[in-house]
Amino acid sequence: MTLGDQPVNHLVRDAKTGDLYTATDFGVLVLAHGSSHWREAGEGLPTLLTPFLEILPEQRGCCFAGTHGRGAWYLRLP
C-alpha cells in the first residue's frame, strides 16, 4: 500500500526496530524497516482521524494512538 494523497498527521519511529508509524486521517499505518510498502499497523484500531501517536520507551512494546471521537488506543509493538 502507498500513502497516496492522504494527510499524515504524525510520524514516529520505533528506535528498537526502525519501523515508522504514521497517524493519518484514516487510521495508523506502519512502514517496516527495509520495506517500501505501508500496511495497517494492527487489528482492532479504528479507521478514522488519528492526529497523534507516541511510543513510550519505558513501556517497551506500546504505541499509543489518540483519535478524534473514539478515545485513545494502544498497539503492542513487535
N, C-alpha and C. Protein backbone atom coordinates (compact mmCIF):
# COMPACT_ATOMS: atom_id res chain seq x y z
N MET A 1 0.85 -1.16 0.00
CA MET A 1 0.00 0.00 0.00
C MET A 1 0.90 1.23 0.00
N THR A 2 0.48 2.26 -0.69
CA THR A 2 1.19 3.53 -0.65
C THR A 2 0.36 4.52 0.16
N LEU A 3 1.01 5.55 0.65
CA LEU A 3 0.27 6.58 1.39
C LEU A 3 -0.62 7.38 0.47
N GLY A 4 -0.24 7.49 -0.78
CA GLY A 4 -1.04 8.25 -1.72
C GLY A 4 -1.13 9.71 -1.31
N ASP A 5 -2.32 10.25 -1.39
CA ASP A 5 -2.54 11.67 -1.12
C ASP A 5 -3.22 11.88 0.23
N GLN A 6 -3.18 10.89 1.12
CA GLN A 6 -3.85 11.07 2.40
C GLN A 6 -2.99 11.89 3.36
N PRO A 7 -3.61 12.69 4.20
CA PRO A 7 -2.87 13.53 5.14
C PRO A 7 -2.14 12.69 6.20
N VAL A 8 -0.90 13.05 6.45
CA VAL A 8 -0.11 12.45 7.53
C VAL A 8 -0.11 13.45 8.68
N ASN A 9 -0.67 13.04 9.81
CA ASN A 9 -0.82 13.95 10.95
C ASN A 9 0.34 13.86 11.94
N HIS A 10 0.94 12.68 12.04
CA HIS A 10 2.03 12.50 12.99
C HIS A 10 2.84 11.29 12.54
N LEU A 11 4.15 11.33 12.78
CA LEU A 11 5.04 10.25 12.39
C LEU A 11 5.98 9.96 13.55
N VAL A 12 6.12 8.68 13.92
CA VAL A 12 7.05 8.29 14.98
C VAL A 12 7.88 7.11 14.49
N ARG A 13 9.07 6.96 15.07
CA ARG A 13 9.97 5.87 14.71
C ARG A 13 10.21 5.00 15.93
N ASP A 14 10.10 3.70 15.74
CA ASP A 14 10.41 2.75 16.80
C ASP A 14 11.93 2.58 16.80
N ALA A 15 12.59 3.07 17.84
CA ALA A 15 14.05 3.04 17.92
C ALA A 15 14.59 1.62 17.96
N LYS A 16 13.81 0.68 18.45
CA LYS A 16 14.27 -0.71 18.56
C LYS A 16 14.31 -1.40 17.20
N THR A 17 13.26 -1.20 16.40
CA THR A 17 13.15 -1.92 15.12
C THR A 17 13.46 -1.05 13.90
N GLY A 18 13.33 0.26 14.05
CA GLY A 18 13.49 1.16 12.91
C GLY A 18 12.22 1.34 12.11
N ASP A 19 11.13 0.69 12.53
CA ASP A 19 9.84 0.83 11.84
C ASP A 19 9.29 2.24 12.03
N LEU A 20 8.61 2.74 11.00
CA LEU A 20 7.93 4.04 11.08
C LEU A 20 6.43 3.81 11.22
N TYR A 21 5.81 4.59 12.11
CA TYR A 21 4.36 4.55 12.31
C TYR A 21 3.82 5.93 11.99
N THR A 22 2.74 5.98 11.23
CA THR A 22 2.14 7.25 10.88
C THR A 22 0.66 7.29 11.26
N ALA A 23 0.26 8.42 11.81
CA ALA A 23 -1.14 8.68 12.12
C ALA A 23 -1.71 9.46 10.94
N THR A 24 -2.78 8.95 10.36
CA THR A 24 -3.39 9.59 9.20
C THR A 24 -4.85 9.92 9.48
N ASP A 25 -5.50 10.49 8.51
CA ASP A 25 -6.94 10.74 8.63
C ASP A 25 -7.74 9.45 8.54
N PHE A 26 -7.07 8.34 8.20
CA PHE A 26 -7.75 7.07 8.01
C PHE A 26 -7.13 5.95 8.85
N GLY A 27 -6.56 6.30 9.99
CA GLY A 27 -6.01 5.30 10.89
C GLY A 27 -4.49 5.34 11.00
N VAL A 28 -3.93 4.25 11.52
CA VAL A 28 -2.50 4.16 11.78
C VAL A 28 -1.88 3.13 10.83
N LEU A 29 -0.79 3.54 10.18
CA LEU A 29 -0.08 2.67 9.25
C LEU A 29 1.35 2.48 9.73
N VAL A 30 1.99 1.40 9.28
CA VAL A 30 3.38 1.13 9.64
C VAL A 30 4.16 0.83 8.36
N LEU A 31 5.39 1.32 8.34
CA LEU A 31 6.35 1.01 7.29
C LEU A 31 7.50 0.28 7.96
N ALA A 32 7.55 -1.03 7.77
CA ALA A 32 8.59 -1.84 8.41
C ALA A 32 9.96 -1.43 7.87
N HIS A 33 10.94 -1.46 8.75
CA HIS A 33 12.31 -1.12 8.37
C HIS A 33 12.74 -1.96 7.16
N GLY A 34 13.23 -1.32 6.13
CA GLY A 34 13.68 -2.02 4.93
C GLY A 34 12.58 -2.27 3.90
N SER A 35 11.34 -1.94 4.23
CA SER A 35 10.22 -2.15 3.32
C SER A 35 9.90 -0.86 2.58
N SER A 36 9.17 -0.98 1.49
CA SER A 36 8.71 0.21 0.76
C SER A 36 7.19 0.27 0.69
N HIS A 37 6.51 -0.59 1.47
CA HIS A 37 5.05 -0.64 1.45
C HIS A 37 4.48 -0.43 2.85
N TRP A 38 3.56 0.52 2.94
CA TRP A 38 2.85 0.77 4.19
C TRP A 38 1.76 -0.28 4.36
N ARG A 39 1.43 -0.62 5.59
CA ARG A 39 0.33 -1.53 5.88
C ARG A 39 -0.37 -1.06 7.15
N GLU A 40 -1.56 -1.59 7.41
CA GLU A 40 -2.25 -1.24 8.65
C GLU A 40 -1.38 -1.66 9.82
N ALA A 41 -1.34 -0.82 10.85
CA ALA A 41 -0.44 -1.06 11.98
C ALA A 41 -0.90 -2.20 12.88
N GLY A 42 -2.17 -2.47 12.93
CA GLY A 42 -2.64 -3.54 13.79
C GLY A 42 -4.13 -3.75 13.67
N GLU A 43 -4.58 -4.90 14.09
CA GLU A 43 -6.01 -5.20 14.08
C GLU A 43 -6.68 -4.56 15.27
N GLY A 44 -7.90 -4.13 15.07
CA GLY A 44 -8.68 -3.57 16.16
C GLY A 44 -8.59 -2.07 16.29
N LEU A 45 -7.62 -1.44 15.63
CA LEU A 45 -7.54 0.02 15.67
C LEU A 45 -8.61 0.59 14.74
N PRO A 46 -9.28 1.66 15.16
CA PRO A 46 -10.32 2.24 14.30
C PRO A 46 -9.71 2.91 13.07
N THR A 47 -10.46 2.88 11.98
CA THR A 47 -10.04 3.53 10.74
C THR A 47 -10.67 4.91 10.70
N LEU A 48 -10.04 5.85 11.40
CA LEU A 48 -10.55 7.21 11.47
C LEU A 48 -9.43 8.18 11.79
N LEU A 49 -9.75 9.45 11.78
CA LEU A 49 -8.79 10.51 12.03
C LEU A 49 -7.99 10.23 13.30
N THR A 50 -6.69 10.09 13.13
CA THR A 50 -5.78 9.87 14.25
C THR A 50 -4.71 10.96 14.19
N PRO A 51 -4.83 11.98 15.05
CA PRO A 51 -3.90 13.09 14.97
C PRO A 51 -2.59 12.90 15.74
N PHE A 52 -2.49 11.86 16.59
CA PHE A 52 -1.32 11.77 17.46
C PHE A 52 -0.92 10.33 17.74
N LEU A 53 0.39 10.09 17.73
CA LEU A 53 0.98 8.80 18.12
C LEU A 53 2.13 9.05 19.08
N GLU A 54 2.37 8.09 19.94
CA GLU A 54 3.54 8.17 20.80
C GLU A 54 3.99 6.77 21.18
N ILE A 55 5.29 6.52 21.04
CA ILE A 55 5.88 5.27 21.51
C ILE A 55 6.55 5.59 22.83
N LEU A 56 6.18 4.85 23.85
CA LEU A 56 6.75 5.09 25.18
C LEU A 56 7.91 4.11 25.41
N PRO A 57 9.15 4.61 25.38
CA PRO A 57 10.29 3.71 25.52
C PRO A 57 10.34 2.99 26.86
N GLU A 58 9.83 3.61 27.91
CA GLU A 58 9.86 2.97 29.23
C GLU A 58 8.83 1.86 29.34
N GLN A 59 7.88 1.83 28.42
CA GLN A 59 6.89 0.76 28.37
C GLN A 59 7.05 0.04 27.04
N ARG A 60 8.23 -0.45 26.78
CA ARG A 60 8.58 -1.08 25.51
C ARG A 60 7.45 -1.98 25.00
N GLY A 61 7.13 -1.75 23.79
CA GLY A 61 6.11 -2.59 23.18
C GLY A 61 4.75 -1.93 23.07
N CYS A 62 4.65 -0.63 23.44
CA CYS A 62 3.36 0.06 23.35
C CYS A 62 3.46 1.31 22.50
N CYS A 63 2.51 1.45 21.61
CA CYS A 63 2.35 2.67 20.83
C CYS A 63 0.94 3.16 21.12
N PHE A 64 0.82 4.39 21.60
CA PHE A 64 -0.48 4.96 21.91
C PHE A 64 -0.95 5.84 20.77
N ALA A 65 -2.23 5.72 20.42
CA ALA A 65 -2.82 6.50 19.34
C ALA A 65 -4.03 7.26 19.88
N GLY A 66 -3.98 8.57 19.77
CA GLY A 66 -5.13 9.39 20.13
C GLY A 66 -5.97 9.62 18.89
N THR A 67 -7.29 9.40 19.00
CA THR A 67 -8.17 9.53 17.85
C THR A 67 -9.13 10.69 18.04
N HIS A 68 -9.83 11.01 16.99
CA HIS A 68 -10.85 12.05 17.04
C HIS A 68 -12.21 11.39 17.25
N GLY A 69 -12.69 11.45 18.48
CA GLY A 69 -14.03 10.96 18.76
C GLY A 69 -14.13 9.51 19.22
N ARG A 70 -13.02 8.76 19.23
CA ARG A 70 -13.08 7.36 19.64
C ARG A 70 -12.09 7.05 20.77
N GLY A 71 -11.54 8.09 21.40
CA GLY A 71 -10.66 7.89 22.55
C GLY A 71 -9.24 7.57 22.17
N ALA A 72 -8.51 7.02 23.13
CA ALA A 72 -7.12 6.63 22.93
C ALA A 72 -7.02 5.12 22.83
N TRP A 73 -6.14 4.65 21.99
CA TRP A 73 -5.95 3.22 21.74
C TRP A 73 -4.48 2.90 21.90
N TYR A 74 -4.16 1.66 22.16
CA TYR A 74 -2.75 1.28 22.17
C TYR A 74 -2.54 0.04 21.34
N LEU A 75 -1.33 -0.05 20.83
CA LEU A 75 -0.94 -1.14 19.95
C LEU A 75 0.31 -1.76 20.51
N ARG A 76 0.31 -3.07 20.68
CA ARG A 76 1.51 -3.79 21.10
C ARG A 76 2.46 -3.87 19.93
N LEU A 77 3.68 -3.40 20.11
CA LEU A 77 4.68 -3.44 19.06
C LEU A 77 5.43 -4.77 19.08
N PRO A 78 5.90 -5.18 17.91
CA PRO A 78 6.68 -6.44 17.86
C PRO A 78 8.01 -6.31 18.58
